[in-house]
C-alpha cells in the first residue's frame, strides 16, 4: 500500500494536516528527481570531457613525432636550428666556446604555443655532436612554466657528460630542477655562470621573458639515418 493511500487512515488528522503531508511528499519527490538529474548531468559531463581529452590527446600526439614528416620540413628544421644557434651566439659570443667544448648540444628553434600539447609545450630541434648535426630531438613538457610577454622561445641545451648524451639518445633524458637557465637578450647575461654539467639558454620570441621553468622537459632522439 502506498503512503498516499494511507492518508485517509491517519487517526485524528485534519484535512490541513493531510494536505501539508501530501505537499511535503510531493516536494521530496521533486527534490529527488532534481538531484538525480544533476548527478546524471555531472556524470555525462565527466564522460564527455574525458572522451574529448582522449581524442584531443591522440590527435595531437599523432603530430608529435621526433622528426618532421616530410623532407622539406626536415631540411627547414636543420636550417632554422643553425640560424637559431648563430643568433644566440651573436647575442652572447661566449656561447661559441661553450658549444665547441661540449660533448653535445641541442637547438630548438621554437618552443611554446606554436607546438602546444595538452597543458604544456612541444618543440622540435637538432642534436649536434662534435659540432656536427647527428639527429632530430623532440621536447615535451607537461607544464609550460613560462611567464612571457610573447608566445614562444628558442632553446639551447648544452650537454657535457657522456651519461646525459647516452640517456638522451636512449629516450630517457629529463631536464632536472638543478639545471641553470640563462635568458638571452641584447646586452644581458654577458658574464653568466654556466652549469658544470648542462646549461640551458633561452631566447624569447615576440615578447619580454620574465622567468621560465624548464624542469621536467623530456627529450627524445631520432638519428638522421632512421
C-alpha atoms as a PDB file:
ATOM      1  CA  UNK A   1       0.000   0.000   0.000  1.00  0.00           C
ATOM      2  CA  UNK A   2       1.386   3.393  -0.961  1.00  0.00           C
ATOM      3  CA  UNK A   3       1.898   6.161   1.592  1.00  0.00           C
ATOM      4  CA  UNK A   4      -0.683   8.312  -0.183  1.00  0.00           C
ATOM      5  CA  UNK A   5      -3.286   5.549   0.203  1.00  0.00           C
ATOM      6  CA  UNK A   6      -2.799   5.666   3.983  1.00  0.00           C
ATOM      7  CA  UNK A   7      -3.519   9.345   4.357  1.00  0.00           C
ATOM      8  CA  UNK A   8      -7.178   8.691   4.958  1.00  0.00           C
ATOM      9  CA  UNK A   9      -6.234   6.282   7.771  1.00  0.00           C
ATOM     10  CA  UNK A  10      -4.449   8.953   9.831  1.00  0.00           C
ATOM     11  CA  UNK A  11      -6.222   8.977  13.235  1.00  0.00           C
ATOM     12  CA  UNK A  12      -7.258  12.441  14.302  1.00  0.00           C
ATOM     13  CA  UNK A  13      -5.660  14.015  11.290  1.00  0.00           C
ATOM     14  CA  UNK A  14      -7.308  17.118   9.945  1.00  0.00           C
ATOM     15  CA  UNK A  15      -7.663  17.990   6.281  1.00  0.00           C
ATOM     16  CA  UNK A  16      -4.960  20.641   6.749  1.00  0.00           C
ATOM     17  CA  UNK A  17      -2.560  18.042   8.165  1.00  0.00           C
ATOM     18  CA  UNK A  18      -3.225  15.692   5.296  1.00  0.00           C
ATOM     19  CA  UNK A  19      -2.704  18.484   2.739  1.00  0.00           C
ATOM     20  CA  UNK A  20       0.576  19.518   4.371  1.00  0.00           C
ATOM     21  CA  UNK A  21       1.823  15.934   4.318  1.00  0.00           C
ATOM     22  CA  UNK A  22       0.899  15.481   0.657  1.00  0.00           C
ATOM     23  CA  UNK A  23       2.672  18.726  -0.221  1.00  0.00           C
ATOM     24  CA  UNK A  24       5.790  17.658   1.680  1.00  0.00           C
ATOM     25  CA  UNK A  25       5.852  14.264  -0.043  1.00  0.00           C
ATOM     26  CA  UNK A  26       5.480  15.832  -3.473  1.00  0.00           C
ATOM     27  CA  UNK A  27       8.280  18.287  -2.646  1.00  0.00           C
ATOM     28  CA  UNK A  28      10.548  15.434  -1.576  1.00  0.00           C
ATOM     29  CA  UNK A  29       9.831  13.557  -4.813  1.00  0.00           C
ATOM     30  CA  UNK A  30      10.666  16.667  -6.836  1.00  0.00           C
ATOM     31  CA  UNK A  31      13.939  17.170  -4.984  1.00  0.00           C
ATOM     32  CA  UNK A  32      14.920  13.565  -5.635  1.00  0.00           C
ATOM     33  CA  UNK A  33      14.181  13.944  -9.340  1.00  0.00           C
ATOM     34  CA  UNK A  34      16.214  17.169  -9.496  1.00  0.00           C
ATOM     35  CA  UNK A  35      19.149  15.665  -7.607  1.00  0.00           C
ATOM     36  CA  UNK A  36      19.039  12.615  -9.827  1.00  0.00           C
ATOM     37  CA  UNK A  37      19.059  14.819 -12.906  1.00  0.00           C
ATOM     38  CA  UNK A  38      22.023  16.809 -11.612  1.00  0.00           C
ATOM     39  CA  UNK A  39      24.022  13.647 -10.890  1.00  0.00           C
ATOM     40  CA  UNK A  40      23.226  12.258 -14.337  1.00  0.00           C
ATOM     41  CA  UNK A  41      24.308  15.524 -15.959  1.00  0.00           C
ATOM     42  CA  UNK A  42      27.564  15.604 -13.970  1.00  0.00           C
ATOM     43  CA  UNK A  43      28.315  12.006 -14.923  1.00  0.00           C
ATOM     44  CA  UNK A  44      27.590  12.788 -18.578  1.00  0.00           C
ATOM     45  CA  UNK A  45      29.806  15.878 -18.418  1.00  0.00           C
ATOM     46  CA  UNK A  46      32.713  13.943 -16.902  1.00  0.00           C
ATOM     47  CA  UNK A  47      32.391  11.216 -19.509  1.00  0.00           C
ATOM     48  CA  UNK A  48      32.172  13.710 -22.367  1.00  0.00           C
ATOM     49  CA  UNK A  49      35.177  15.665 -21.069  1.00  0.00           C
ATOM     50  CA  UNK A  50      37.257  12.505 -20.704  1.00  0.00           C
ATOM     51  CA  UNK A  51      36.424  11.420 -24.236  1.00  0.00           C
ATOM     52  CA  UNK A  52      37.218  14.881 -25.606  1.00  0.00           C
ATOM     53  CA  UNK A  53      40.590  14.985 -23.835  1.00  0.00           C
ATOM     54  CA  UNK A  54      41.427  11.479 -25.027  1.00  0.00           C
ATOM     55  CA  UNK A  55      40.575  12.296 -28.635  1.00  0.00           C
ATOM     56  CA  UNK A  56      42.445  15.603 -28.476  1.00  0.00           C
ATOM     57  CA  UNK A  57      45.472  13.939 -26.938  1.00  0.00           C
ATOM     58  CA  UNK A  58      45.523  11.237 -29.620  1.00  0.00           C
ATOM     59  CA  UNK A  59      45.177  13.797 -32.399  1.00  0.00           C
ATOM     60  CA  UNK A  60      47.931  15.994 -31.028  1.00  0.00           C
ATOM     61  CA  UNK A  61      50.341  13.154 -30.240  1.00  0.00           C
ATOM     62  CA  UNK A  62      49.898  11.900 -33.788  1.00  0.00           C
ATOM     63  CA  UNK A  63      51.690  15.063 -34.913  1.00  0.00           C
ATOM     64  CA  UNK A  64      54.389  14.906 -32.222  1.00  0.00           C
ATOM     65  CA  UNK A  65      56.912  12.613 -33.913  1.00  0.00           C
ATOM     66  CA  UNK A  66      60.532  13.407 -33.115  1.00  0.00           C
ATOM     67  CA  UNK A  67      61.391  14.161 -36.744  1.00  0.00           C
ATOM     68  CA  UNK A  68      59.271  16.180 -39.208  1.00  0.00           C
ATOM     69  CA  UNK A  69      57.297  14.034 -41.630  1.00  0.00           C
ATOM     70  CA  UNK A  70      58.489  15.483 -44.948  1.00  0.00           C
ATOM     71  CA  UNK A  71      61.933  16.025 -46.425  1.00  0.00           C
ATOM     72  CA  UNK A  72      61.239  19.735 -46.885  1.00  0.00           C
ATOM     73  CA  UNK A  73      60.238  20.129 -43.225  1.00  0.00           C
ATOM     74  CA  UNK A  74      63.361  18.298 -42.069  1.00  0.00           C
ATOM     75  CA  UNK A  75      65.566  20.494 -44.201  1.00  0.00           C
ATOM     76  CA  UNK A  76      63.808  23.587 -42.867  1.00  0.00           C
ATOM     77  CA  UNK A  77      64.267  22.458 -39.252  1.00  0.00           C
ATOM     78  CA  UNK A  78      68.001  21.951 -39.741  1.00  0.00           C
ATOM     79  CA  UNK A  79      68.345  25.358 -41.356  1.00  0.00           C
ATOM     80  CA  UNK A  80      66.361  27.014 -38.573  1.00  0.00           C
ATOM     81  CA  UNK A  81      68.452  25.272 -35.912  1.00  0.00           C
ATOM     82  CA  UNK A  82      71.683  26.540 -37.493  1.00  0.00           C
ATOM     83  CA  UNK A  83      70.251  30.050 -37.769  1.00  0.00           C
ATOM     84  CA  UNK A  84      68.988  29.993 -34.177  1.00  0.00           C
ATOM     85  CA  UNK A  85      72.385  28.956 -32.832  1.00  0.00           C
ATOM     86  CA  UNK A  86      74.027  31.734 -34.841  1.00  0.00           C
ATOM     87  CA  UNK A  87      71.577  34.255 -33.410  1.00  0.00           C
ATOM     88  CA  UNK A  88      72.216  33.082 -29.854  1.00  0.00           C
ATOM     89  CA  UNK A  89      75.976  33.327 -30.303  1.00  0.00           C
ATOM     90  CA  UNK A  90      75.513  36.831 -31.694  1.00  0.00           C
ATOM     91  CA  UNK A  91      73.611  37.726 -28.511  1.00  0.00           C
ATOM     92  CA  UNK A  92      76.172  36.004 -26.290  1.00  0.00           C
ATOM     93  CA  UNK A  93      79.550  35.389 -28.011  1.00  0.00           C
ATOM     94  CA  UNK A  94      80.763  33.227 -25.103  1.00  0.00           C
ATOM     95  CA  UNK A  95      78.330  30.563 -26.282  1.00  0.00           C
ATOM     96  CA  UNK A  96      80.689  29.730 -29.149  1.00  0.00           C
ATOM     97  CA  UNK A  97      83.287  28.378 -26.726  1.00  0.00           C
ATOM     98  CA  UNK A  98      80.576  26.652 -24.691  1.00  0.00           C
ATOM     99  CA  UNK A  99      79.194  24.720 -27.653  1.00  0.00           C
ATOM    100  CA  UNK A 100      82.639  23.917 -29.056  1.00  0.00           C
ATOM    101  CA  UNK A 101      83.744  22.475 -25.729  1.00  0.00           C
ATOM    102  CA  UNK A 102      80.583  20.451 -25.105  1.00  0.00           C
ATOM    103  CA  UNK A 103      80.089  16.779 -25.898  1.00  0.00           C
ATOM    104  CA  UNK A 104      76.750  17.620 -27.484  1.00  0.00           C
ATOM    105  CA  UNK A 105      74.096  20.291 -27.631  1.00  0.00           C
ATOM    106  CA  UNK A 106      70.535  20.519 -28.879  1.00  0.00           C
ATOM    107  CA  UNK A 107      68.983  23.557 -30.537  1.00  0.00           C
ATOM    108  CA  UNK A 108      65.213  24.096 -30.572  1.00  0.00           C
ATOM    109  CA  UNK A 109      64.245  26.997 -32.866  1.00  0.00           C
ATOM    110  CA  UNK A 110      60.728  27.273 -31.430  1.00  0.00           C
ATOM    111  CA  UNK A 111      59.111  26.000 -28.219  1.00  0.00           C
ATOM    112  CA  UNK A 112      55.757  27.227 -26.981  1.00  0.00           C
ATOM    113  CA  UNK A 113      52.330  27.999 -28.408  1.00  0.00           C
ATOM    114  CA  UNK A 114      53.371  27.017 -31.907  1.00  0.00           C
ATOM    115  CA  UNK A 115      53.876  23.497 -30.595  1.00  0.00           C
ATOM    116  CA  UNK A 116      51.429  23.230 -27.728  1.00  0.00           C
ATOM    117  CA  UNK A 117      50.342  19.872 -26.386  1.00  0.00           C
ATOM    118  CA  UNK A 118      47.579  19.447 -23.811  1.00  0.00           C
ATOM    119  CA  UNK A 119      48.567  21.531 -20.796  1.00  0.00           C
ATOM    120  CA  UNK A 120      52.188  22.092 -21.859  1.00  0.00           C
ATOM    121  CA  UNK A 121      54.732  22.726 -24.579  1.00  0.00           C
ATOM    122  CA  UNK A 122      56.293  20.924 -27.501  1.00  0.00           C
ATOM    123  CA  UNK A 123      59.157  21.657 -29.833  1.00  0.00           C
ATOM    124  CA  UNK A 124      61.473  20.023 -32.338  1.00  0.00           C
ATOM    125  CA  UNK A 125      65.186  20.586 -32.657  1.00  0.00           C
ATOM    126  CA  UNK A 126      68.512  19.215 -33.844  1.00  0.00           C
ATOM    127  CA  UNK A 127      71.249  17.447 -31.863  1.00  0.00           C
ATOM    128  CA  UNK A 128      74.879  18.341 -32.574  1.00  0.00           C
ATOM    129  CA  UNK A 129      77.869  16.210 -31.557  1.00  0.00           C
ATOM    130  CA  UNK A 130      81.392  17.444 -32.109  1.00  0.00           C
ATOM    131  CA  UNK A 131      79.934  20.428 -33.924  1.00  0.00           C
ATOM    132  CA  UNK A 132      78.082  18.274 -36.477  1.00  0.00           C
ATOM    133  CA  UNK A 133      74.339  17.647 -36.629  1.00  0.00           C
ATOM    134  CA  UNK A 134      73.555  13.978 -35.972  1.00  0.00           C
ATOM    135  CA  UNK A 135      69.798  13.730 -35.480  1.00  0.00           C
ATOM    136  CA  UNK A 136      66.463  15.227 -34.529  1.00  0.00           C
ATOM    137  CA  UNK A 137      65.308  15.898 -30.977  1.00  0.00           C
ATOM    138  CA  UNK A 138      61.795  16.485 -29.674  1.00  0.00           C
ATOM    139  CA  UNK A 139      60.924  18.255 -26.432  1.00  0.00           C
ATOM    140  CA  UNK A 140      57.802  17.807 -24.337  1.00  0.00           C
ATOM    141  CA  UNK A 141      56.850  19.468 -21.081  1.00  0.00           C
ATOM    142  CA  UNK A 142      53.684  18.757 -19.115  1.00  0.00           C
ATOM    143  CA  UNK A 143      53.500  22.321 -17.809  1.00  0.00           C
ATOM    144  CA  UNK A 144      54.973  25.218 -19.747  1.00  0.00           C
ATOM    145  CA  UNK A 145      56.072  27.132 -16.673  1.00  0.00           C
ATOM    146  CA  UNK A 146      56.988  30.283 -18.588  1.00  0.00           C
ATOM    147  CA  UNK A 147      55.809  33.803 -17.973  1.00  0.00           C
ATOM    148  CA  UNK A 148      56.116  35.579 -21.296  1.00  0.00           C
ATOM    149  CA  UNK A 149      55.007  38.754 -22.955  1.00  0.00           C
ATOM    150  CA  UNK A 150      55.276  36.740 -26.172  1.00  0.00           C
ATOM    151  CA  UNK A 151      54.153  33.241 -27.039  1.00  0.00           C
ATOM    152  CA  UNK A 152      57.267  31.152 -27.772  1.00  0.00           C
ATOM    153  CA  UNK A 153      61.010  30.892 -27.248  1.00  0.00           C
ATOM    154  CA  UNK A 154      64.120  29.246 -28.667  1.00  0.00           C
ATOM    155  CA  UNK A 155      66.181  26.908 -26.509  1.00  0.00           C
ATOM    156  CA  UNK A 156      69.763  25.653 -26.434  1.00  0.00           C
ATOM    157  CA  UNK A 157      70.638  22.676 -24.229  1.00  0.00           C
ATOM    158  CA  UNK A 158      74.364  22.084 -23.662  1.00  0.00           C
ATOM    159  CA  UNK A 159      75.482  18.612 -22.505  1.00  0.00           C
ATOM    160  CA  UNK A 160      78.911  17.945 -21.024  1.00  0.00           C
ATOM    161  CA  UNK A 161      78.504  14.458 -19.567  1.00  0.00           C
ATOM    162  CA  UNK A 162      78.577  11.236 -21.553  1.00  0.00           C
ATOM    163  CA  UNK A 163      75.815   9.831 -19.342  1.00  0.00           C
ATOM    164  CA  UNK A 164      73.480  12.672 -20.348  1.00  0.00           C
ATOM    165  CA  UNK A 165      74.197  12.214 -24.057  1.00  0.00           C
ATOM    166  CA  UNK A 166      73.610   8.459 -23.785  1.00  0.00           C
ATOM    167  CA  UNK A 167      70.381   8.994 -21.839  1.00  0.00           C
ATOM    168  CA  UNK A 168      69.099  11.456 -24.435  1.00  0.00           C
ATOM    169  CA  UNK A 169      69.809   9.035 -27.275  1.00  0.00           C
ATOM    170  CA  UNK A 170      68.091   6.254 -25.345  1.00  0.00           C
ATOM    171  CA  UNK A 171      64.977   8.398 -24.937  1.00  0.00           C
ATOM    172  CA  UNK A 172      65.399   8.578 -21.180  1.00  0.00           C
ATOM    173  CA  UNK A 173      66.549  12.150 -20.605  1.00  0.00           C
ATOM    174  CA  UNK A 174      64.594  14.597 -18.458  1.00  0.00           C
ATOM    175  CA  UNK A 175      65.892  18.034 -17.507  1.00  0.00           C
ATOM    176  CA  UNK A 176      66.145  18.294 -13.735  1.00  0.00           C
ATOM    177  CA  UNK A 177      65.307  21.145 -11.412  1.00  0.00           C
ATOM    178  CA  UNK A 178      69.011  21.745 -10.704  1.00  0.00           C
ATOM    179  CA  UNK A 179      69.837  22.795 -14.269  1.00  0.00           C
ATOM    180  CA  UNK A 180      70.540  26.511 -14.512  1.00  0.00           C
ATOM    181  CA  UNK A 181      68.811  28.664 -17.104  1.00  0.00           C
ATOM    182  CA  UNK A 182      70.172  31.785 -18.795  1.00  0.00           C
ATOM    183  CA  UNK A 183      67.717  34.097 -20.547  1.00  0.00           C
ATOM    184  CA  UNK A 184      69.380  35.728 -23.534  1.00  0.00           C
ATOM    185  CA  UNK A 185      68.614  39.294 -24.517  1.00  0.00           C
ATOM    186  CA  UNK A 186      70.535  42.145 -26.061  1.00  0.00           C
ATOM    187  CA  UNK A 187      73.376  43.115 -23.736  1.00  0.00           C
ATOM    188  CA  UNK A 188      72.232  40.738 -20.984  1.00  0.00           C
ATOM    189  CA  UNK A 189      73.859  37.727 -19.311  1.00  0.00           C
ATOM    190  CA  UNK A 190      77.311  38.716 -20.550  1.00  0.00           C
ATOM    191  CA  UNK A 191      79.014  37.091 -17.567  1.00  0.00           C
ATOM    192  CA  UNK A 192      76.565  34.337 -16.723  1.00  0.00           C
ATOM    193  CA  UNK A 193      77.833  31.383 -14.710  1.00  0.00           C
ATOM    194  CA  UNK A 194      77.415  28.123 -16.607  1.00  0.00           C
ATOM    195  CA  UNK A 195      76.246  24.888 -15.047  1.00  0.00           C
ATOM    196  CA  UNK A 196      79.246  22.498 -14.950  1.00  0.00           C
ATOM    197  CA  UNK A 197      77.261  19.613 -16.438  1.00  0.00           C
ATOM    198  CA  UNK A 198      74.445  21.065 -18.509  1.00  0.00           C
ATOM    199  CA  UNK A 199      73.253  24.550 -19.290  1.00  0.00           C
ATOM    200  CA  UNK A 200      70.054  25.811 -20.865  1.00  0.00           C
ATOM    201  CA  UNK A 201      69.851  29.093 -22.750  1.00  0.00           C
ATOM    202  CA  UNK A 202      66.546  30.512 -23.916  1.00  0.00           C
ATOM    203  CA  UNK A 203      65.745  33.337 -26.284  1.00  0.00           C
ATOM    204  CA  UNK A 204      62.295  34.931 -26.180  1.00  0.00           C
ATOM    205  CA  UNK A 205      60.302  35.204 -29.397  1.00  0.00           C
ATOM    206  CA  UNK A 206      57.810  38.036 -29.659  1.00  0.00           C
ATOM    207  CA  UNK A 207      57.861  39.416 -26.146  1.00  0.00           C
ATOM    208  CA  UNK A 208      59.613  40.073 -22.863  1.00  0.00           C
ATOM    209  CA  UNK A 209      60.542  36.932 -20.955  1.00  0.00           C
ATOM    210  CA  UNK A 210      60.412  37.476 -17.210  1.00  0.00           C
ATOM    211  CA  UNK A 211      61.010  33.946 -15.951  1.00  0.00           C
ATOM    212  CA  UNK A 212      60.901  30.351 -17.137  1.00  0.00           C
ATOM    213  CA  UNK A 213      60.993  26.876 -15.659  1.00  0.00           C
ATOM    214  CA  UNK A 214      62.404  24.129 -17.865  1.00  0.00           C
ATOM    215  CA  UNK A 215      62.367  21.453 -15.158  1.00  0.00           C
ATOM    216  CA  UNK A 216      60.609  18.318 -16.346  1.00  0.00           C
ATOM    217  CA  UNK A 217      61.289  18.754 -20.051  1.00  0.00           C
ATOM    218  CA  UNK A 218      61.546  15.319 -21.659  1.00  0.00           C
ATOM    219  CA  UNK A 219      63.684  14.815 -24.757  1.00  0.00           C
ATOM    220  CA  UNK A 220      63.566  12.123 -27.412  1.00  0.00           C
ATOM    221  CA  UNK A 221      66.097  11.483 -30.170  1.00  0.00           C
ATOM    222  CA  UNK A 222      65.978  10.175 -33.715  1.00  0.00           C
ATOM    223  CA  UNK A 223      69.169   9.877 -35.799  1.00  0.00           C
ATOM    224  CA  UNK A 224      69.173  11.219 -39.340  1.00  0.00           C
ATOM    225  CA  UNK A 225      69.660   7.677 -40.646  1.00  0.00           C
ATOM    226  CA  UNK A 226      66.438   6.366 -39.063  1.00  0.00           C
END
